[in-house]
Amino acid sequence: MNIRITSDSTCDLGEELIKKYNIGIFSLTVILGEESYKDGEIAPADIFAYVQKSGQLPKTAAGTVDGYAAFFKENLKGYDALIHFNISSQASSSNSSACKAAESFGGKVTVIDSRALSTGQGLLVLKACDLAAEGLSAEEITQKINGLRPLVNTSFVPDALDYLHKGGRCSLAALIGAKVMKLHPMICENRDGQLIAKKKYMGGMSRCIRNYIADLKAQYPAYDKTRCFITHSSADSELVGLAKQIVADNFTFNEVLETVAGSIVTSHCGRNTLGVLFISE
């Protein structure tokens, strides 16, 4: 069976991986004032400049039923079946629209709520690509992916809480407290796909990232060694390099991939946010 794997652009896989694995990408929309852009059309620097100038976060728009239907039709050409991954249904109505659009394709399109975002979603997308390459059917792939969803570690540490506060995910008191005490929370996606603050680290980002990765090592002694992502929103190169080194010292992944968060995810987390994401066992 020839199976097409597609995803919302919120998987944050980057052009190289998307091309390597032949993944179809449905771009969500970012709105800066009166101007609308497809995710990937603008750089993170444009997001930061807009927020600094306007004092407001960009708006993001979910995919429409008609938009997904046209996307599925195009990406099904030459394939027997299509499996599409959406950003968590707790974060966007895109999953609902995609499911509705899939109904008109006679069972050839399967939509999976990743219950994640960024490369937490991307991990599942690449795993589906691996399984399709092994010759599994669409039904078998879907079953295995659904079993893996609760095992995906989707977490990150933001440098500042300003963007989370502007987006209504952080109170003013928490924002002020974080600035005064130099606190950086570990933001995690729970099994229902909701973002929660799990733990708080104190000090500079380098110290926080060291403690964050140490906590991941302690929490996940057994993990899928296929791949790990270090994903960040235009973080300082020294911080990214430190994270890579600590991961290499504490884990044995076959590959550690660095990606930069797209405009949708960047719009909600701000600059210098960094996460280490992988699938546990």
C-alpha atoms as a PDB file:
ATOM      1  CA  MET A   1       0.000   0.000   0.000  1.00  0.00           C
ATOM      2  CA  ASN A   2       1.316   3.426  -1.013  1.00  0.00           C
ATOM      3  CA  ILE A   3       0.640   5.771   1.912  1.00  0.00           C
ATOM      4  CA  ARG A   4       1.022   9.552   1.989  1.00  0.00           C
ATOM      5  CA  ILE A   5       1.954  11.140   5.345  1.00  0.00           C
ATOM      6  CA  THR A   6       0.951  14.779   5.870  1.00  0.00           C
ATOM      7  CA  SER A   7       0.859  17.214   8.764  1.00  0.00           C
ATOM      8  CA  ASP A   8      -0.058  20.691   9.875  1.00  0.00           C
ATOM      9  CA  SER A   9       2.895  23.068   9.673  1.00  0.00           C
ATOM     10  CA  THR A  10       2.977  23.123  13.487  1.00  0.00           C
ATOM     11  CA  CYS A  11       5.106  19.940  13.405  1.00  0.00           C
ATOM     12  CA  ASP A  12       8.150  22.255  13.059  1.00  0.00           C
ATOM     13  CA  LEU A  13      10.198  19.686  11.134  1.00  0.00           C
ATOM     14  CA  GLY A  14      12.000  22.112   8.854  1.00  0.00           C
ATOM     15  CA  GLU A  15      12.494  21.995   5.090  1.00  0.00           C
ATOM     16  CA  GLU A  16      15.266  19.393   5.075  1.00  0.00           C
ATOM     17  CA  LEU A  17      13.336  16.730   6.999  1.00  0.00           C
ATOM     18  CA  ILE A  18      10.099  17.490   5.165  1.00  0.00           C
ATOM     19  CA  LYS A  19      11.869  16.919   1.857  1.00  0.00           C
ATOM     20  CA  LYS A  20      13.772  13.836   3.063  1.00  0.00           C
ATOM     21  CA  TYR A  21      10.608  12.069   4.239  1.00  0.00           C
ATOM     22  CA  ASN A  22       8.332  13.496   1.515  1.00  0.00           C
ATOM     23  CA  ILE A  23       5.830  14.921   4.003  1.00  0.00           C
ATOM     24  CA  GLY A  24       2.892  16.986   2.792  1.00  0.00           C
ATOM     25  CA  ILE A  25       2.480  20.167   4.853  1.00  0.00           C
ATOM     26  CA  PHE A  26      -0.759  22.068   5.455  1.00  0.00           C
ATOM     27  CA  SER A  27       0.202  25.590   6.508  1.00  0.00           C
ATOM     28  CA  LEU A  28      -1.806  27.303   9.208  1.00  0.00           C
ATOM     29  CA  THR A  29      -2.157  31.088   9.186  1.00  0.00           C
ATOM     30  CA  VAL A  30      -0.474  33.834  11.207  1.00  0.00           C
ATOM     31  CA  ILE A  31      -2.075  37.289  11.315  1.00  0.00           C
ATOM     32  CA  LEU A  32       0.032  40.384  12.033  1.00  0.00           C
ATOM     33  CA  GLY A  33      -2.362  43.289  12.323  1.00  0.00           C
ATOM     34  CA  GLU A  34      -4.179  43.475   8.997  1.00  0.00           C
ATOM     35  CA  GLU A  35      -1.812  41.142   7.160  1.00  0.00           C
ATOM     36  CA  SER A  36      -2.178  37.355   6.944  1.00  0.00           C
ATOM     37  CA  TYR A  37       0.683  34.958   6.250  1.00  0.00           C
ATOM     38  CA  LYS A  38       1.042  31.224   5.860  1.00  0.00           C
ATOM     39  CA  ASP A  39       3.182  29.584   8.512  1.00  0.00           C
ATOM     40  CA  GLY A  40       6.679  29.600   7.033  1.00  0.00           C
ATOM     41  CA  GLU A  41       6.227  32.773   4.974  1.00  0.00           C
ATOM     42  CA  ILE A  42       7.547  34.988   7.760  1.00  0.00           C
ATOM     43  CA  ALA A  43      10.606  34.597   9.962  1.00  0.00           C
ATOM     44  CA  PRO A  44      10.635  34.513  13.783  1.00  0.00           C
ATOM     45  CA  ALA A  45      12.362  37.915  13.684  1.00  0.00           C
ATOM     46  CA  ASP A  46       9.203  39.330  12.077  1.00  0.00           C
ATOM     47  CA  ILE A  47       7.145  37.944  14.966  1.00  0.00           C
ATOM     48  CA  PHE A  48       9.441  39.480  17.577  1.00  0.00           C
ATOM     49  CA  ALA A  49       9.476  42.842  15.811  1.00  0.00           C
ATOM     50  CA  TYR A  50       5.673  42.893  15.560  1.00  0.00           C
ATOM     51  CA  VAL A  51       5.198  42.107  19.256  1.00  0.00           C
ATOM     52  CA  GLN A  52       7.772  44.699  20.295  1.00  0.00           C
ATOM     53  CA  LYS A  53       6.160  47.390  18.136  1.00  0.00           C
ATOM     54  CA  SER A  54       2.490  46.613  18.788  1.00  0.00           C
ATOM     55  CA  GLY A  55       2.613  45.149  22.284  1.00  0.00           C
ATOM     56  CA  GLN A  56       0.305  42.400  21.053  1.00  0.00           C
ATOM     57  CA  LEU A  57       0.748  38.798  20.005  1.00  0.00           C
ATOM     58  CA  PRO A  58       0.051  37.751  16.432  1.00  0.00           C
ATOM     59  CA  LYS A  59      -3.238  35.989  15.903  1.00  0.00           C
ATOM     60  CA  THR A  60      -3.333  32.489  14.465  1.00  0.00           C
ATOM     61  CA  ALA A  61      -6.053  30.950  12.335  1.00  0.00           C
ATOM     62  CA  ALA A  62      -7.021  27.276  12.157  1.00  0.00           C
ATOM     63  CA  GLY A  63      -7.489  25.417   8.905  1.00  0.00           C
ATOM     64  CA  THR A  64     -10.935  25.343   7.322  1.00  0.00           C
ATOM     65  CA  VAL A  65     -12.913  22.312   6.170  1.00  0.00           C
ATOM     66  CA  ASP A  66     -12.653  23.429   2.537  1.00  0.00           C
ATOM     67  CA  GLY A  67      -8.947  24.091   2.916  1.00  0.00           C
ATOM     68  CA  TYR A  68      -8.272  20.619   4.284  1.00  0.00           C
ATOM     69  CA  ALA A  69     -10.483  19.004   1.650  1.00  0.00           C
ATOM     70  CA  ALA A  70      -8.502  20.638  -1.158  1.00  0.00           C
ATOM     71  CA  PHE A  71      -5.222  19.693   0.546  1.00  0.00           C
ATOM     72  CA  PHE A  72      -6.248  16.049   0.976  1.00  0.00           C
ATOM     73  CA  LYS A  73      -7.421  15.819  -2.628  1.00  0.00           C
ATOM     74  CA  GLU A  74      -4.101  17.123  -3.928  1.00  0.00           C
ATOM     75  CA  ASN A  75      -1.949  14.979  -1.639  1.00  0.00           C
ATOM     76  CA  LEU A  76      -3.874  11.767  -2.343  1.00  0.00           C
ATOM     77  CA  LYS A  77      -2.856  11.844  -5.989  1.00  0.00           C
ATOM     78  CA  GLY A  78      -0.796   8.740  -6.677  1.00  0.00           C
ATOM     79  CA  TYR A  79      -1.440   7.236  -3.232  1.00  0.00           C
ATOM     80  CA  ASP A  80      -3.801   4.591  -1.845  1.00  0.00           C
ATOM     81  CA  ALA A  81      -4.288   6.273   1.532  1.00  0.00           C
ATOM     82  CA  LEU A  82      -3.327   9.400   3.460  1.00  0.00           C
ATOM     83  CA  ILE A  83      -2.614   9.876   7.183  1.00  0.00           C
ATOM     84  CA  HIS A  84      -2.711  13.460   8.405  1.00  0.00           C
ATOM     85  CA  PHE A  85      -1.426  14.803  11.743  1.00  0.00           C
ATOM     86  CA  ASN A  86      -2.967  17.834  13.433  1.00  0.00           C
ATOM     87  CA  ILE A  87      -1.784  20.083  16.225  1.00  0.00           C
ATOM     88  CA  SER A  88      -3.492  19.143  19.514  1.00  0.00           C
ATOM     89  CA  SER A  89      -7.253  19.625  19.419  1.00  0.00           C
ATOM     90  CA  GLN A  90      -6.863  21.384  22.789  1.00  0.00           C
ATOM     91  CA  ALA A  91      -4.880  24.133  21.069  1.00  0.00           C
ATOM     92  CA  SER A  92      -6.752  24.563  17.776  1.00  0.00           C
ATOM     93  CA  SER A  93      -9.971  23.687  15.985  1.00  0.00           C
ATOM     94  CA  SER A  94      -7.904  22.482  13.021  1.00  0.00           C
ATOM     95  CA  ASN A  95      -8.367  18.832  14.008  1.00  0.00           C
ATOM     96  CA  SER A  96     -12.143  19.171  13.922  1.00  0.00           C
ATOM     97  CA  SER A  97     -12.038  20.780  10.468  1.00  0.00           C
ATOM     98  CA  ALA A  98      -9.669  18.125   9.136  1.00  0.00           C
ATOM     99  CA  CYS A  99     -11.866  15.295  10.469  1.00  0.00           C
ATOM    100  CA  LYS A 100     -14.903  16.832   8.800  1.00  0.00           C
ATOM    101  CA  ALA A 101     -13.040  17.195   5.498  1.00  0.00           C
ATOM    102  CA  ALA A 102     -11.822  13.582   5.666  1.00  0.00           C
ATOM    103  CA  GLU A 103     -15.401  12.267   5.675  1.00  0.00           C
ATOM    104  CA  SER A 104     -15.737  12.908   1.933  1.00  0.00           C
ATOM    105  CA  PHE A 105     -12.815  10.659   0.939  1.00  0.00           C
ATOM    106  CA  GLY A 106     -14.384   7.258   1.481  1.00  0.00           C
ATOM    107  CA  GLY A 107     -12.048   6.125   4.246  1.00  0.00           C
ATOM    108  CA  LYS A 108      -8.862   6.927   2.328  1.00  0.00           C
ATOM    109  CA  VAL A 109      -7.953   9.785   4.695  1.00  0.00           C
ATOM    110  CA  THR A 110      -7.202   9.217   8.378  1.00  0.00           C
ATOM    111  CA  VAL A 111      -6.796  12.230  10.665  1.00  0.00           C
ATOM    112  CA  ILE A 112      -4.784  11.892  13.871  1.00  0.00           C
ATOM    113  CA  ASP A 113      -4.986  14.367  16.738  1.00  0.00           C
ATOM    114  CA  SER A 114      -1.325  14.444  17.797  1.00  0.00           C
ATOM    115  CA  ARG A 115      -2.243  15.802  21.247  1.00  0.00           C
ATOM    116  CA  ALA A 116       1.026  17.671  20.879  1.00  0.00           C
ATOM    117  CA  LEU A 117       2.603  20.561  19.059  1.00  0.00           C
ATOM    118  CA  SER A 118       5.937  21.457  17.509  1.00  0.00           C
ATOM    119  CA  THR A 119       8.284  18.481  17.224  1.00  0.00           C
ATOM    120  CA  GLY A 120       6.237  16.534  19.767  1.00  0.00           C
ATOM    121  CA  GLN A 121       3.853  16.312  16.828  1.00  0.00           C
ATOM    122  CA  GLY A 122       6.823  15.949  14.485  1.00  0.00           C
ATOM    123  CA  LEU A 123       8.052  12.852  16.325  1.00  0.00           C
ATOM    124  CA  LEU A 124       4.784  11.091  15.541  1.00  0.00           C
ATOM    125  CA  VAL A 125       4.890  12.256  11.931  1.00  0.00           C
ATOM    126  CA  LEU A 126       8.381  10.805  11.402  1.00  0.00           C
ATOM    127  CA  LYS A 127       7.442   7.610  13.224  1.00  0.00           C
ATOM    128  CA  ALA A 128       4.524   7.198  10.805  1.00  0.00           C
ATOM    129  CA  CYS A 129       6.961   7.709   7.918  1.00  0.00           C
ATOM    130  CA  ASP A 130       9.200   4.989   9.378  1.00  0.00           C
ATOM    131  CA  LEU A 131       6.258   2.585   9.686  1.00  0.00           C
ATOM    132  CA  ALA A 132       5.014   3.326   6.171  1.00  0.00           C
ATOM    133  CA  ALA A 133       8.520   2.586   4.837  1.00  0.00           C
ATOM    134  CA  GLU A 134       8.346  -0.774   6.626  1.00  0.00           C
ATOM    135  CA  GLY A 135       5.229  -1.628   4.616  1.00  0.00           C
ATOM    136  CA  LEU A 136       2.584  -1.356   7.343  1.00  0.00           C
ATOM    137  CA  SER A 137      -0.983  -0.581   6.319  1.00  0.00           C
ATOM    138  CA  ALA A 138      -2.712   2.700   7.156  1.00  0.00           C
ATOM    139  CA  GLU A 139      -4.736   0.908   9.830  1.00  0.00           C
ATOM    140  CA  GLU A 140      -1.626  -0.629  11.396  1.00  0.00           C
ATOM    141  CA  ILE A 141       0.212   2.695  11.371  1.00  0.00           C
ATOM    142  CA  THR A 142      -2.729   4.486  12.965  1.00  0.00           C
ATOM    143  CA  GLN A 143      -3.001   1.869  15.697  1.00  0.00           C
ATOM    144  CA  LYS A 144       0.703   2.059  16.549  1.00  0.00           C
ATOM    145  CA  ILE A 145       0.742   5.869  16.500  1.00  0.00           C
ATOM    146  CA  ASN A 146      -2.292   6.079  18.790  1.00  0.00           C
ATOM    147  CA  GLY A 147      -0.440   3.821  21.216  1.00  0.00           C
ATOM    148  CA  LEU A 148       2.610   6.086  21.137  1.00  0.00           C
ATOM    149  CA  ARG A 149       0.806   9.391  21.694  1.00  0.00           C
ATOM    150  CA  PRO A 150       0.873   9.214  25.522  1.00  0.00           C
ATOM    151  CA  LEU A 151       4.597   8.448  25.425  1.00  0.00           C
ATOM    152  CA  VAL A 152       5.689  11.605  23.615  1.00  0.00           C
ATOM    153  CA  ASN A 153       7.590  14.040  25.811  1.00  0.00           C
ATOM    154  CA  THR A 154       6.519  17.464  24.553  1.00  0.00           C
ATOM    155  CA  SER A 155       8.138  19.986  26.867  1.00  0.00           C
ATOM    156  CA  PHE A 156      10.056  23.230  26.717  1.00  0.00           C
ATOM    157  CA  VAL A 157      11.494  25.973  28.912  1.00  0.00           C
ATOM    158  CA  PRO A 158      10.802  29.621  27.983  1.00  0.00           C
ATOM    159  CA  ASP A 159      13.325  32.348  28.716  1.00  0.00           C
ATOM    160  CA  ALA A 160      10.545  34.787  29.621  1.00  0.00           C
ATOM    161  CA  LEU A 161       6.806  34.557  30.244  1.00  0.00           C
ATOM    162  CA  ASP A 162       5.777  37.711  28.387  1.00  0.00           C
ATOM    163  CA  TYR A 163       4.345  35.864  25.379  1.00  0.00           C
ATOM    164  CA  LEU A 164       2.537  33.318  27.554  1.00  0.00           C
ATOM    165  CA  HIS A 165       1.065  36.201  29.585  1.00  0.00           C
ATOM    166  CA  LYS A 166      -0.087  38.065  26.480  1.00  0.00           C
ATOM    167  CA  GLY A 167      -1.693  34.841  25.268  1.00  0.00           C
ATOM    168  CA  GLY A 168      -3.624  34.359  28.504  1.00  0.00           C
ATOM    169  CA  ARG A 169      -1.607  31.329  29.618  1.00  0.00           C
ATOM    170  CA  CYS A 170       0.185  33.099  32.464  1.00  0.00           C
ATOM    171  CA  SER A 171      -1.174  35.499  35.102  1.00  0.00           C
ATOM    172  CA  LEU A 172       0.283  38.957  35.738  1.00  0.00           C
ATOM    173  CA  ALA A 173       1.334  37.864  39.214  1.00  0.00           C
ATOM    174  CA  ALA A 174       3.190  34.860  37.782  1.00  0.00           C
ATOM    175  CA  LEU A 175       4.827  37.081  35.156  1.00  0.00           C
ATOM    176  CA  ILE A 176       6.080  39.577  37.742  1.00  0.00           C
ATOM    177  CA  GLY A 177       7.169  36.810  40.100  1.00  0.00           C
ATOM    178  CA  ALA A 178       9.107  35.082  37.353  1.00  0.00           C
ATOM    179  CA  LYS A 179      10.968  38.281  36.483  1.00  0.00           C
ATOM    180  CA  VAL A 180      11.810  39.110  40.086  1.00  0.00           C
ATOM    181  CA  MET A 181      12.833  35.570  41.056  1.00  0.00           C
ATOM    182  CA  LYS A 182      14.348  34.635  37.671  1.00  0.00           C
ATOM    183  CA  LEU A 183      11.979  31.691  37.347  1.00  0.00           C
ATOM    184  CA  HIS A 184      11.599  29.617  34.191  1.00  0.00           C
ATOM    185  CA  PRO A 185       8.821  27.005  34.122  1.00  0.00           C
ATOM    186  CA  MET A 186       8.957  23.676  32.351  1.00  0.00           C
ATOM    187  CA  ILE A 187       5.885  23.753  30.121  1.00  0.00           C
ATOM    188  CA  CYS A 188       4.586  20.277  29.257  1.00  0.00           C
ATOM    189  CA  GLU A 189       1.785  18.835  27.198  1.00  0.00           C
ATOM    190  CA  ASN A 190      -0.277  16.376  29.228  1.00  0.00           C
ATOM    191  CA  ARG A 191      -1.959  13.259  27.851  1.00  0.00           C
ATOM    192  CA  ASP A 192      -5.030  15.251  26.852  1.00  0.00           C
ATOM    193  CA  GLY A 193      -2.922  17.661  24.809  1.00  0.00           C
ATOM    194  CA  GLN A 194      -3.171  20.577  27.226  1.00  0.00           C
ATOM    195  CA  LEU A 195      -0.197  22.762  28.125  1.00  0.00           C
ATOM    196  CA  ILE A 196       0.616  22.831  31.830  1.00  0.00           C
ATOM    197  CA  ALA A 197       3.434  24.244  33.969  1.00  0.00           C
ATOM    198  CA  LYS A 198       5.062  21.222  35.571  1.00  0.00           C
ATOM    199  CA  LYS A 199       8.089  22.615  37.400  1.00  0.00           C
ATOM    200  CA  LYS A 200       9.945  25.882  37.914  1.00  0.00           C
ATOM    201  CA  TYR A 201      13.673  26.462  37.578  1.00  0.00           C
ATOM    202  CA  MET A 202      15.564  29.402  39.050  1.00  0.00           C
ATOM    203  CA  GLY A 203      18.503  31.279  37.582  1.00  0.00           C
ATOM    204  CA  GLY A 204      19.893  31.905  34.120  1.00  0.00           C
ATOM    205  CA  MET A 205      18.812  29.872  31.124  1.00  0.00           C
ATOM    206  CA  SER A 206      22.012  27.811  31.002  1.00  0.00           C
ATOM    207  CA  ARG A 207      21.483  26.608  34.555  1.00  0.00           C
ATOM    208  CA  CYS A 208      17.797  25.982  33.884  1.00  0.00           C
ATOM    209  CA  ILE A 209      18.494  23.923  30.759  1.00  0.00           C
ATOM    210  CA  ARG A 210      21.001  21.797  32.680  1.00  0.00           C
ATOM    211  CA  ASN A 211      18.416  21.066  35.376  1.00  0.00           C
ATOM    212  CA  TYR A 212      15.638  20.562  32.841  1.00  0.00           C
ATOM    213  CA  ILE A 213      17.559  17.901  30.908  1.00  0.00           C
ATOM    214  CA  ALA A 214      18.637  16.237  34.163  1.00  0.00           C
ATOM    215  CA  ASP A 215      14.965  15.981  35.118  1.00  0.00           C
ATOM    216  CA  LEU A 216      14.120  14.453  31.728  1.00  0.00           C
ATOM    217  CA  LYS A 217      16.832  11.846  32.225  1.00  0.00           C
ATOM    218  CA  ALA A 218      15.460  10.956  35.658  1.00  0.00           C
ATOM    219  CA  GLN A 219      11.842  10.865  34.485  1.00  0.00           C
ATOM    220  CA  TYR A 220      12.471   8.835  31.322  1.00  0.00           C
ATOM    221  CA  PRO A 221      15.109   6.145  32.017  1.00  0.00           C
ATOM    222  CA  ALA A 222      13.727   4.114  29.081  1.00  0.00           C
ATOM    223  CA  TYR A 223      13.118   5.824  25.760  1.00  0.00           C
ATOM    224  CA  ASP A 224      12.904   5.276  22.008  1.00  0.00           C
ATOM    225  CA  LYS A 225      16.481   5.805  20.823  1.00  0.00           C
ATOM    226  CA  THR A 226      15.528   6.459  17.209  1.00  0.00           C
ATOM    227  CA  ARG A 227      15.645  10.242  17.424  1.00  0.00           C
ATOM    228  CA  CYS A 228      15.441  13.291  19.641  1.00  0.00           C
ATOM    229  CA  PHE A 229      14.646  16.890  18.782  1.00  0.00           C
ATOM    230  CA  ILE A 230      16.182  19.992  20.236  1.00  0.00           C
ATOM    231  CA  THR A 231      13.701  22.607  19.107  1.00  0.00           C
ATOM    232  CA  HIS A 232      13.948  26.299  19.903  1.00  0.00           C
ATOM    233  CA  SER A 233      12.567  29.686  18.961  1.00  0.00           C
ATOM    234  CA  SER A 234      15.708  31.401  17.666  1.00  0.00           C
ATOM    235  CA  ALA A 235      17.579  30.634  20.892  1.00  0.00           C
ATOM    236  CA  ASP A 236      21.128  31.799  21.519  1.00  0.00           C
ATOM    237  CA  SER A 237      23.624  29.511  19.768  1.00  0.00           C
ATOM    238  CA  GLU A 238      25.513  28.960  23.033  1.00  0.00           C
ATOM    239  CA  LEU A 239      22.338  27.723  24.706  1.00  0.00           C
ATOM    240  CA  VAL A 240      21.545  25.349  21.838  1.00  0.00           C
ATOM    241  CA  GLY A 241      25.108  24.037  21.861  1.00  0.00           C
ATOM    242  CA  LEU A 242      24.914  23.459  25.613  1.00  0.00           C
ATOM    243  CA  ALA A 243      21.664  21.526  25.242  1.00  0.00           C
ATOM    244  CA  LYS A 244      23.171  19.337  22.505  1.00  0.00           C
ATOM    245  CA  GLN A 245      26.172  18.532  24.659  1.00  0.00           C
ATOM    246  CA  ILE A 246      24.122  17.662  27.743  1.00  0.00           C
ATOM    247  CA  VAL A 247      21.799  15.452  25.698  1.00  0.00           C
ATOM    248  CA  ALA A 248      24.809  13.675  24.169  1.00  0.00           C
ATOM    249  CA  ASP A 249      26.288  13.127  27.628  1.00  0.00           C
ATOM    250  CA  ASN A 250      23.104  11.732  29.145  1.00  0.00           C
ATOM    251  CA  PHE A 251      21.215   9.933  26.356  1.00  0.00           C
ATOM    252  CA  THR A 252      22.074   7.566  23.507  1.00  0.00           C
ATOM    253  CA  PHE A 253      19.822   8.640  20.649  1.00  0.00           C
ATOM    254  CA  ASN A 254      20.684   7.477  17.149  1.00  0.00           C
ATOM    255  CA  GLU A 255      20.266  11.054  15.991  1.00  0.00           C
ATOM    256  CA  VAL A 256      19.698  14.411  17.676  1.00  0.00           C
ATOM    257  CA  LEU A 257      17.992  16.854  15.344  1.00  0.00           C
ATOM    258  CA  GLU A 258      17.907  20.620  15.785  1.00  0.00           C
ATOM    259  CA  THR A 259      14.907  22.522  14.454  1.00  0.00           C
ATOM    260  CA  VAL A 260      13.700  26.092  14.804  1.00  0.00           C
ATOM    261  CA  ALA A 261      10.056  26.590  15.759  1.00  0.00           C
ATOM    262  CA  GLY A 262       7.818  27.971  13.046  1.00  0.00           C
ATOM    263  CA  SER A 263       5.804  31.175  13.253  1.00  0.00           C
ATOM    264  CA  ILE A 264       2.729  29.529  14.818  1.00  0.00           C
ATOM    265  CA  VAL A 265       4.610  28.121  17.802  1.00  0.00           C
ATOM    266  CA  THR A 266       6.917  31.147  18.062  1.00  0.00           C
ATOM    267  CA  SER A 267       3.860  33.388  18.309  1.00  0.00           C
ATOM    268  CA  HIS A 268       2.966  31.782  21.624  1.00  0.00           C
ATOM    269  CA  CYS A 269       6.301  31.126  23.327  1.00  0.00           C
ATOM    270  CA  GLY A 270       8.685  33.973  22.475  1.00  0.00           C
ATOM    271  CA  ARG A 271      12.391  34.061  21.718  1.00  0.00           C
ATOM    272  CA  ASN A 272      14.981  31.803  23.394  1.00  0.00           C
ATOM    273  CA  THR A 273      12.504  29.078  24.336  1.00  0.00           C
ATOM    274  CA  LEU A 274      14.079  25.627  24.088  1.00  0.00           C
ATOM    275  CA  GLY A 275      12.756  22.080  24.357  1.00  0.00           C
ATOM    276  CA  VAL A 276      14.177  18.548  24.235  1.00  0.00           C
ATOM    277  CA  LEU A 277      11.553  16.215  22.782  1.00  0.00           C
ATOM    278  CA  PHE A 278      11.517  12.437  22.305  1.00  0.00           C
ATOM    279  CA  ILE A 279       9.347   9.352  22.702  1.00  0.00           C
ATOM    280  CA  SER A 280       9.616   7.444  25.959  1.00  0.00           C
ATOM    281  CA  GLU A 281       8.942   3.732  26.497  1.00  0.00           C
END
